[in-house]
Amino acid sequence: MQVSTAVATPSPRSTRARDKLMHTAERLYAEHGFANVSIRMISEAAGQRNKSAVQYHFSTRDELIQAILARHAAAIDEHRIPMVAALEASGEVSLRRWITCILTPHIEHHIELGTPSWYGRFLAQAVVEPSLREHATQASMRTPSFQRLEKLWPPRQDRDPDLSAQYRAMIRLLVVHMCAELEGDLASGLVAVADAEQSWRRLGEHLITAVCGLSTALLEISEP
């Protein structure tokens, strides 16, 4: 007797429930922090009668968080792929263009999310959570577009591995927390929703300039 190994396709109802749980968890974690949100709270806020709905769809809290991170990473990758392709085709890679390909997709994704959004503040929680930090940092770095980008012109890391690690951490914290701050200001009304896109693009330009400065100062990367 032959046993089928096909994986069942989730039903539309199951997919909707999973999406609702992810969206609700992202919002609650962003607003209250990981330590103050229980699995049961997420199920209740998502309107699930089954209090074990999160465990059914994701098994554990960390698996739920990783699924949220992976979804955003995939969306950011869609923005970066054409930028990397254009950079590859140009045959001319400068420091600012390379860093622009790293950062601009994040900014475009924030704009695409609209206001209110919670991803920025959610990610800010994840990058400082010891059990999630590595996954949070690797979620985007493992995407196809980022791996292609690293091959074009990676920063010099052969001289001082500790410095290289600190450099990456500085960039990560700068970008993540500045995005979280703007997202929070938009949500609270400190920045007008009508100015959201302009504010995100201005932040993006400032972050690109700041990271160029860090690259030049710390790793002695300059324009080729």
C-alpha atoms as a PDB file:
ATOM      1  CA  MET A   1       0.000   0.000   0.000  1.00  0.00           C
ATOM      2  CA  GLN A   2       1.352   3.407  -1.009  1.00  0.00           C
ATOM      3  CA  VAL A   3       1.189   6.152   1.611  1.00  0.00           C
ATOM      4  CA  SER A   4       0.652   9.686   0.369  1.00  0.00           C
ATOM      5  CA  THR A   5       3.239  12.252   1.507  1.00  0.00           C
ATOM      6  CA  ALA A   6       1.366  15.281   0.153  1.00  0.00           C
ATOM      7  CA  VAL A   7       1.010  18.174   2.568  1.00  0.00           C
ATOM      8  CA  ALA A   8      -2.567  19.344   3.009  1.00  0.00           C
ATOM      9  CA  THR A   9      -3.247  22.859   1.786  1.00  0.00           C
ATOM     10  CA  PRO A  10      -4.594  25.071   4.589  1.00  0.00           C
ATOM     11  CA  SER A  11      -8.222  26.007   4.180  1.00  0.00           C
ATOM     12  CA  PRO A  12      -9.146  29.669   3.556  1.00  0.00           C
ATOM     13  CA  ARG A  13     -10.644  29.765   7.044  1.00  0.00           C
ATOM     14  CA  SER A  14      -7.431  28.448   8.593  1.00  0.00           C
ATOM     15  CA  THR A  15      -5.340  30.938   6.605  1.00  0.00           C
ATOM     16  CA  ARG A  16      -7.551  33.830   7.732  1.00  0.00           C
ATOM     17  CA  ALA A  17      -7.286  32.722  11.361  1.00  0.00           C
ATOM     18  CA  ARG A  18      -3.508  32.441  11.106  1.00  0.00           C
ATOM     19  CA  ASP A  19      -3.231  35.902   9.530  1.00  0.00           C
ATOM     20  CA  LYS A  20      -5.493  37.405  12.196  1.00  0.00           C
ATOM     21  CA  LEU A  21      -3.384  35.894  14.973  1.00  0.00           C
ATOM     22  CA  MET A  22      -0.167  37.221  13.433  1.00  0.00           C
ATOM     23  CA  HIS A  23      -1.569  40.721  12.949  1.00  0.00           C
ATOM     24  CA  THR A  24      -3.005  40.792  16.476  1.00  0.00           C
ATOM     25  CA  ALA A  25       0.193  39.478  18.058  1.00  0.00           C
ATOM     26  CA  GLU A  26       2.299  42.047  16.231  1.00  0.00           C
ATOM     27  CA  ARG A  27       0.075  44.874  17.483  1.00  0.00           C
ATOM     28  CA  LEU A  28      -0.041  43.659  21.087  1.00  0.00           C
ATOM     29  CA  TYR A  29       3.694  42.990  21.266  1.00  0.00           C
ATOM     30  CA  ALA A  30       4.439  46.405  19.749  1.00  0.00           C
ATOM     31  CA  GLU A  31       2.195  48.216  22.203  1.00  0.00           C
ATOM     32  CA  HIS A  32       2.890  46.231  25.392  1.00  0.00           C
ATOM     33  CA  GLY A  33       6.139  44.277  24.939  1.00  0.00           C
ATOM     34  CA  PHE A  34       6.715  40.535  24.805  1.00  0.00           C
ATOM     35  CA  ALA A  35       6.775  40.074  28.580  1.00  0.00           C
ATOM     36  CA  ASN A  36       3.323  41.609  29.049  1.00  0.00           C
ATOM     37  CA  VAL A  37       1.421  39.679  26.380  1.00  0.00           C
ATOM     38  CA  SER A  38       0.325  36.076  26.888  1.00  0.00           C
ATOM     39  CA  ILE A  39      -0.654  33.547  24.252  1.00  0.00           C
ATOM     40  CA  ARG A  40      -4.187  33.577  25.672  1.00  0.00           C
ATOM     41  CA  MET A  41      -4.410  37.366  25.332  1.00  0.00           C
ATOM     42  CA  ILE A  42      -3.519  37.077  21.645  1.00  0.00           C
ATOM     43  CA  SER A  43      -6.188  34.434  21.015  1.00  0.00           C
ATOM     44  CA  GLU A  44      -8.845  36.490  22.820  1.00  0.00           C
ATOM     45  CA  ALA A  45      -7.918  39.754  21.076  1.00  0.00           C
ATOM     46  CA  ALA A  46      -8.018  37.951  17.709  1.00  0.00           C
ATOM     47  CA  GLY A  47     -11.582  36.812  18.444  1.00  0.00           C
ATOM     48  CA  GLN A  48     -10.706  33.120  18.646  1.00  0.00           C
ATOM     49  CA  ARG A  49     -13.073  31.032  20.740  1.00  0.00           C
ATOM     50  CA  ASN A  50     -10.417  28.354  21.081  1.00  0.00           C
ATOM     51  CA  LYS A  51      -7.931  29.675  23.637  1.00  0.00           C
ATOM     52  CA  SER A  52      -5.297  27.304  22.219  1.00  0.00           C
ATOM     53  CA  ALA A  53      -5.548  28.782  18.708  1.00  0.00           C
ATOM     54  CA  VAL A  54      -1.998  30.146  18.781  1.00  0.00           C
ATOM     55  CA  GLN A  55      -0.537  26.769  19.753  1.00  0.00           C
ATOM     56  CA  TYR A  56      -2.590  25.093  17.023  1.00  0.00           C
ATOM     57  CA  HIS A  57      -1.224  27.338  14.270  1.00  0.00           C
ATOM     58  CA  PHE A  58       2.282  28.080  15.586  1.00  0.00           C
ATOM     59  CA  SER A  59       3.108  25.618  18.430  1.00  0.00           C
ATOM     60  CA  THR A  60       5.074  28.200  20.441  1.00  0.00           C
ATOM     61  CA  ARG A  61       5.306  31.932  21.012  1.00  0.00           C
ATOM     62  CA  ASP A  62       8.725  32.089  19.366  1.00  0.00           C
ATOM     63  CA  GLU A  63       7.435  30.296  16.270  1.00  0.00           C
ATOM     64  CA  LEU A  64       4.657  32.893  16.012  1.00  0.00           C
ATOM     65  CA  ILE A  65       7.158  35.746  16.305  1.00  0.00           C
ATOM     66  CA  GLN A  66       9.467  34.140  13.746  1.00  0.00           C
ATOM     67  CA  ALA A  67       6.556  33.813  11.313  1.00  0.00           C
ATOM     68  CA  ILE A  68       5.805  37.537  11.676  1.00  0.00           C
ATOM     69  CA  LEU A  69       9.450  38.423  11.086  1.00  0.00           C
ATOM     70  CA  ALA A  70       9.645  36.151   8.039  1.00  0.00           C
ATOM     71  CA  ARG A  71       6.529  37.694   6.496  1.00  0.00           C
ATOM     72  CA  HIS A  72       7.930  41.219   6.764  1.00  0.00           C
ATOM     73  CA  ALA A  73      11.344  40.091   5.504  1.00  0.00           C
ATOM     74  CA  ALA A  74       9.696  38.633   2.399  1.00  0.00           C
ATOM     75  CA  ALA A  75       7.827  41.896   1.769  1.00  0.00           C
ATOM     76  CA  ILE A  76      11.042  43.916   2.144  1.00  0.00           C
ATOM     77  CA  ASP A  77      12.787  41.504  -0.219  1.00  0.00           C
ATOM     78  CA  GLU A  78      10.233  42.299  -2.924  1.00  0.00           C
ATOM     79  CA  HIS A  79      11.268  45.953  -2.756  1.00  0.00           C
ATOM     80  CA  ARG A  80      14.988  45.145  -2.752  1.00  0.00           C
ATOM     81  CA  ILE A  81      15.102  42.639  -5.632  1.00  0.00           C
ATOM     82  CA  PRO A  82      14.636  45.216  -8.448  1.00  0.00           C
ATOM     83  CA  MET A  83      17.055  47.616  -6.740  1.00  0.00           C
ATOM     84  CA  VAL A  84      19.765  44.964  -6.559  1.00  0.00           C
ATOM     85  CA  ALA A  85      19.119  43.943 -10.151  1.00  0.00           C
ATOM     86  CA  ALA A  86      19.563  47.564 -11.255  1.00  0.00           C
ATOM     87  CA  LEU A  87      22.754  47.868  -9.232  1.00  0.00           C
ATOM     88  CA  GLU A  88      24.141  44.669 -10.752  1.00  0.00           C
ATOM     89  CA  ALA A  89      23.272  45.852 -14.266  1.00  0.00           C
ATOM     90  CA  SER A  90      24.926  49.234 -13.751  1.00  0.00           C
ATOM     91  CA  GLY A  91      28.349  47.699 -13.150  1.00  0.00           C
ATOM     92  CA  GLU A  92      29.154  50.627 -10.868  1.00  0.00           C
ATOM     93  CA  VAL A  93      28.707  50.168  -7.123  1.00  0.00           C
ATOM     94  CA  SER A  94      29.303  53.094  -4.801  1.00  0.00           C
ATOM     95  CA  LEU A  95      29.092  53.126  -1.008  1.00  0.00           C
ATOM     96  CA  ARG A  96      25.912  55.230  -0.960  1.00  0.00           C
ATOM     97  CA  ARG A  97      24.156  53.174  -3.645  1.00  0.00           C
ATOM     98  CA  TRP A  98      25.053  49.945  -1.857  1.00  0.00           C
ATOM     99  CA  ILE A  99      23.739  51.211   1.485  1.00  0.00           C
ATOM    100  CA  THR A 100      20.659  52.641  -0.247  1.00  0.00           C
ATOM    101  CA  CYS A 101      19.860  49.129  -1.470  1.00  0.00           C
ATOM    102  CA  ILE A 102      20.090  47.894   2.108  1.00  0.00           C
ATOM    103  CA  LEU A 103      17.969  50.569   3.786  1.00  0.00           C
ATOM    104  CA  THR A 104      15.474  51.938   1.275  1.00  0.00           C
ATOM    105  CA  PRO A 105      13.453  48.685   1.031  1.00  0.00           C
ATOM    106  CA  HIS A 106      12.806  48.931   4.782  1.00  0.00           C
ATOM    107  CA  ILE A 107      11.537  52.477   4.389  1.00  0.00           C
ATOM    108  CA  GLU A 108       9.354  51.547   1.411  1.00  0.00           C
ATOM    109  CA  HIS A 109       7.861  48.713   3.439  1.00  0.00           C
ATOM    110  CA  HIS A 110       6.987  51.067   6.295  1.00  0.00           C
ATOM    111  CA  ILE A 111       5.308  53.417   3.826  1.00  0.00           C
ATOM    112  CA  GLU A 112       3.419  50.502   2.313  1.00  0.00           C
ATOM    113  CA  LEU A 113       2.130  49.422   5.737  1.00  0.00           C
ATOM    114  CA  GLY A 114       0.390  52.758   6.219  1.00  0.00           C
ATOM    115  CA  THR A 115      -0.643  54.345   9.515  1.00  0.00           C
ATOM    116  CA  PRO A 116      -1.196  53.029  12.080  1.00  0.00           C
ATOM    117  CA  SER A 117       1.345  50.239  11.804  1.00  0.00           C
ATOM    118  CA  TRP A 118       3.169  48.164  14.394  1.00  0.00           C
ATOM    119  CA  TYR A 119       6.062  46.458  12.645  1.00  0.00           C
ATOM    120  CA  GLY A 120       8.686  49.044  13.635  1.00  0.00           C
ATOM    121  CA  ARG A 121       7.894  48.826  17.338  1.00  0.00           C
ATOM    122  CA  PHE A 122       7.487  45.046  17.140  1.00  0.00           C
ATOM    123  CA  LEU A 123      10.929  44.689  15.543  1.00  0.00           C
ATOM    124  CA  ALA A 124      12.451  46.981  18.166  1.00  0.00           C
ATOM    125  CA  GLN A 125      11.213  44.526  20.816  1.00  0.00           C
ATOM    126  CA  ALA A 126      12.582  41.524  18.922  1.00  0.00           C
ATOM    127  CA  VAL A 127      16.134  42.816  18.380  1.00  0.00           C
ATOM    128  CA  VAL A 128      16.691  43.277  22.118  1.00  0.00           C
ATOM    129  CA  GLU A 129      15.075  39.986  23.204  1.00  0.00           C
ATOM    130  CA  PRO A 130      17.967  37.533  23.800  1.00  0.00           C
ATOM    131  CA  SER A 131      16.059  34.477  22.565  1.00  0.00           C
ATOM    132  CA  LEU A 132      14.920  36.254  19.391  1.00  0.00           C
ATOM    133  CA  ARG A 133      17.782  38.600  18.538  1.00  0.00           C
ATOM    134  CA  GLU A 134      19.594  36.243  16.198  1.00  0.00           C
ATOM    135  CA  HIS A 135      16.474  35.320  14.292  1.00  0.00           C
ATOM    136  CA  ALA A 136      15.429  38.960  14.061  1.00  0.00           C
ATOM    137  CA  THR A 137      18.788  39.990  12.641  1.00  0.00           C
ATOM    138  CA  GLN A 138      19.006  37.055  10.245  1.00  0.00           C
ATOM    139  CA  ALA A 139      15.442  37.232   8.904  1.00  0.00           C
ATOM    140  CA  SER A 140      16.323  39.869   6.294  1.00  0.00           C
ATOM    141  CA  MET A 141      19.966  38.865   5.825  1.00  0.00           C
ATOM    142  CA  ARG A 142      18.944  35.397   4.642  1.00  0.00           C
ATOM    143  CA  THR A 143      16.685  36.725   1.892  1.00  0.00           C
ATOM    144  CA  PRO A 144      17.867  36.225  -1.715  1.00  0.00           C
ATOM    145  CA  SER A 145      18.212  39.939  -2.446  1.00  0.00           C
ATOM    146  CA  PHE A 146      20.375  40.624   0.606  1.00  0.00           C
ATOM    147  CA  GLN A 147      22.675  37.714  -0.189  1.00  0.00           C
ATOM    148  CA  ARG A 148      23.098  39.006  -3.740  1.00  0.00           C
ATOM    149  CA  LEU A 149      23.796  42.471  -2.378  1.00  0.00           C
ATOM    150  CA  GLU A 150      26.497  41.248  -0.002  1.00  0.00           C
ATOM    151  CA  LYS A 151      28.356  39.660  -2.913  1.00  0.00           C
ATOM    152  CA  LEU A 152      28.466  42.968  -4.774  1.00  0.00           C
ATOM    153  CA  TRP A 153      30.469  44.898  -2.214  1.00  0.00           C
ATOM    154  CA  PRO A 154      30.600  43.575   1.359  1.00  0.00           C
ATOM    155  CA  PRO A 155      32.167  45.725   4.098  1.00  0.00           C
ATOM    156  CA  ARG A 156      35.745  44.938   5.062  1.00  0.00           C
ATOM    157  CA  GLN A 157      35.578  42.415   7.886  1.00  0.00           C
ATOM    158  CA  ASP A 158      38.998  40.804   7.707  1.00  0.00           C
ATOM    159  CA  ARG A 159      40.796  43.355   9.830  1.00  0.00           C
ATOM    160  CA  ASP A 160      38.887  43.211  13.116  1.00  0.00           C
ATOM    161  CA  PRO A 161      35.962  40.764  13.556  1.00  0.00           C
ATOM    162  CA  ASP A 162      34.895  42.406  16.834  1.00  0.00           C
ATOM    163  CA  LEU A 163      34.734  45.820  15.185  1.00  0.00           C
ATOM    164  CA  SER A 164      32.750  44.375  12.294  1.00  0.00           C
ATOM    165  CA  ALA A 165      30.210  42.850  14.699  1.00  0.00           C
ATOM    166  CA  GLN A 166      29.870  46.139  16.584  1.00  0.00           C
ATOM    167  CA  TYR A 167      29.465  48.008  13.298  1.00  0.00           C
ATOM    168  CA  ARG A 168      26.570  45.761  12.276  1.00  0.00           C
ATOM    169  CA  ALA A 169      24.980  46.108  15.719  1.00  0.00           C
ATOM    170  CA  MET A 170      25.230  49.907  15.556  1.00  0.00           C
ATOM    171  CA  ILE A 171      23.526  49.984  12.165  1.00  0.00           C
ATOM    172  CA  ARG A 172      20.840  47.538  13.285  1.00  0.00           C
ATOM    173  CA  LEU A 173      19.970  49.490  16.419  1.00  0.00           C
ATOM    174  CA  LEU A 174      20.108  52.855  14.676  1.00  0.00           C
ATOM    175  CA  VAL A 175      17.808  51.821  11.835  1.00  0.00           C
ATOM    176  CA  VAL A 176      15.384  49.706  13.870  1.00  0.00           C
ATOM    177  CA  HIS A 177      14.888  52.146  16.721  1.00  0.00           C
ATOM    178  CA  MET A 178      14.657  55.263  14.558  1.00  0.00           C
ATOM    179  CA  CYS A 179      11.960  53.550  12.492  1.00  0.00           C
ATOM    180  CA  ALA A 180      10.169  52.472  15.670  1.00  0.00           C
ATOM    181  CA  GLU A 181      10.304  56.040  16.975  1.00  0.00           C
ATOM    182  CA  LEU A 182       8.778  57.517  13.824  1.00  0.00           C
ATOM    183  CA  GLU A 183       6.107  54.819  13.735  1.00  0.00           C
ATOM    184  CA  GLY A 184       5.244  55.618  17.351  1.00  0.00           C
ATOM    185  CA  ASP A 185       5.113  59.352  16.639  1.00  0.00           C
ATOM    186  CA  LEU A 186       2.732  58.726  13.744  1.00  0.00           C
ATOM    187  CA  ALA A 187       0.529  56.476  15.876  1.00  0.00           C
ATOM    188  CA  SER A 188       0.361  59.010  18.716  1.00  0.00           C
ATOM    189  CA  GLY A 189      -0.247  62.013  16.466  1.00  0.00           C
ATOM    190  CA  LEU A 190       3.083  63.717  17.129  1.00  0.00           C
ATOM    191  CA  VAL A 191       3.640  63.489  13.376  1.00  0.00           C
ATOM    192  CA  ALA A 192       0.621  64.102  11.151  1.00  0.00           C
ATOM    193  CA  VAL A 193      -0.587  61.133   9.139  1.00  0.00           C
ATOM    194  CA  ALA A 194      -0.738  63.415   6.090  1.00  0.00           C
ATOM    195  CA  ASP A 195       3.035  63.847   6.418  1.00  0.00           C
ATOM    196  CA  ALA A 196       3.765  60.127   6.875  1.00  0.00           C
ATOM    197  CA  GLU A 197       5.295  59.352   3.484  1.00  0.00           C
ATOM    198  CA  GLN A 198       7.419  62.492   3.460  1.00  0.00           C
ATOM    199  CA  SER A 199       8.576  61.791   7.018  1.00  0.00           C
ATOM    200  CA  TRP A 200       9.552  58.211   6.166  1.00  0.00           C
ATOM    201  CA  ARG A 201      11.478  59.262   3.071  1.00  0.00           C
ATOM    202  CA  ARG A 202      13.285  61.999   4.988  1.00  0.00           C
ATOM    203  CA  LEU A 203      14.237  59.503   7.704  1.00  0.00           C
ATOM    204  CA  GLY A 204      15.457  57.114   5.026  1.00  0.00           C
ATOM    205  CA  GLU A 205      17.777  59.719   3.523  1.00  0.00           C
ATOM    206  CA  HIS A 206      19.133  60.640   6.945  1.00  0.00           C
ATOM    207  CA  LEU A 207      19.744  56.983   7.840  1.00  0.00           C
ATOM    208  CA  ILE A 208      21.599  56.385   4.572  1.00  0.00           C
ATOM    209  CA  THR A 209      23.841  59.377   5.277  1.00  0.00           C
ATOM    210  CA  ALA A 210      24.431  58.234   8.874  1.00  0.00           C
ATOM    211  CA  VAL A 211      25.330  54.668   7.856  1.00  0.00           C
ATOM    212  CA  CYS A 212      27.665  55.978   5.158  1.00  0.00           C
ATOM    213  CA  GLY A 213      29.392  57.988   7.886  1.00  0.00           C
ATOM    214  CA  LEU A 214      29.685  54.963  10.174  1.00  0.00           C
ATOM    215  CA  SER A 215      31.069  52.853   7.341  1.00  0.00           C
ATOM    216  CA  THR A 216      33.695  55.456   6.487  1.00  0.00           C
ATOM    217  CA  ALA A 217      34.696  56.143  10.089  1.00  0.00           C
ATOM    218  CA  LEU A 218      34.712  52.634  11.558  1.00  0.00           C
ATOM    219  CA  LEU A 219      35.616  50.323   8.690  1.00  0.00           C
ATOM    220  CA  GLU A 220      37.451  52.851   6.536  1.00  0.00           C
ATOM    221  CA  ILE A 221      35.106  52.153   3.625  1.00  0.00           C
ATOM    222  CA  SER A 222      35.188  54.902   1.071  1.00  0.00           C
ATOM    223  CA  GLU A 223      33.828  55.443  -2.409  1.00  0.00           C
ATOM    224  CA  PRO A 224      35.567  53.161  -4.930  1.00  0.00           C
END
